[in-house]
Amino acid sequence: MNNLTAKISCFARAYHHRENKIQIFSDDKAFLLLGKEYDMIAQNMKQGVSFFLPEFKGTAEEGLRLIVNKQLSPSVLGRSAFCEEMLQSEKRLGCRQHVVFAAGYDTFGVRNDDESLSVYELDLPEVLWDKVEKIKEAGLEDCAVKVPCNLVESTWTQKLLEKGYNPGRKAFGSLLGISYYLNEQDFKLLIENIGKIMAEGSAICFDFPLREESREARINRTLAKGAGEEMKAAYSYGEIEKLLSECGFIIYEYLDDDAVTERFFSEYNLHNPECTVTAPKGVGYVLAVRKQY
C-alpha cells in the first residue's frame, strides 16, 4: 500500500468521524476519499493489536478503537484542529490563499466551500495522481489546484507561482507532519523558500517533534520506518524559534501537548470517559507569522 503514513492519517480522521458523535475534528470526506482502502487499513490495524497494545484483551473492534484513540488519532486530530482553527483566524484577517504542503490525503480541498479562498496542494506527483483518481472514484468536487513537486528541491516555488499563487497577497501555509521526515537542513531550506514567496503578515502552521519522546512517538517512528518513511529530526522550542527567526518568521502561538488536550479534546473526553484521547507527549504546535524586514 503506497503512501502508507498519509493514508493512515486519513484513516484516523475517517474513523473518528464515523464512530463519534462528539468530534475533535470533523472530516466528513476522509472515508469517501479512502474508499476500499479504509477496510484494508482497519483490518491491518486489528491484526497488529499485539504490537500497539501488548497487554490488550478484548474484541477486534475494541482493540481497533483503542489503537485509533491512543496511537493514531491524537497527533492527527490535534494538529488538524489547531491548523484549521488558525486558518479561519487568518481568513478573518484577509488571507485568501491556502497552501497545503505535503498534502497527502488531506481533504480540505473537497470540504472547502469558500470560493474566495484559493487552495494549492503540493506533494510528489505520484501522491497527487493517486489522490485525484480517488477523488474521481468517490465523486467528490475538488477546489484545490494540484502542484506536483518535491519539497526538498527549491524548484517547487516556481511551480507554485506558475499555478497562479500570488506572492504579493497574504497566504496561510499548513505543513502538518512534515518536520519529522526532513533533516534539519532540508526543513530549514523549506521554511526559507516559503519565506521568500510569502507576503508580510502571512502565516505558517506546523507540528514538530520535541527532543523528549513518548512511547506513542516511538511507535510512530517504528511505523514510519517500516513504511520506508523514516523520521529524521527533533527540536527544542529554542531551536525551532531560532530556525524560524533566521527564515523571516516569528512565533505567534505555541501549544504543547497539555494545551492541545485542554483546548481541543476536552469536550470529547467529557462525553467519552471510557476511552479518552490526549495529545501525544513530545510534540509541539506552532503558528508563525512572516515578519517585516
Foldseek 3Di string as FASTA:
>chain_A
DPPVLLLLLLLLQCCQQVPDPDHLDHDPCSPLLCDPVSVVVLVVQLVCLCVQPVPDDDDSVVSSLQCSQEFRHQQSSLQVSVQVVVVVVVVVVPAQEEEEEQCQQPCCQQVDPDPSHAYEYEDAPVRVVSSVVSCVVSVTDGRYHYQHDDLLDLCSLVSVVVSPDQLQGAYEYEDEPPLFQDAPVSVLVSLLSVLVSHHAFHKYKYKFFAPDADPSRVVVQVVCVVSVRHGHDHHHPVVVQVSNVVSQKHWPDKDAQVRSCVPRQVVVCVVCVVRGHTRGHRMMITMIGRHDD
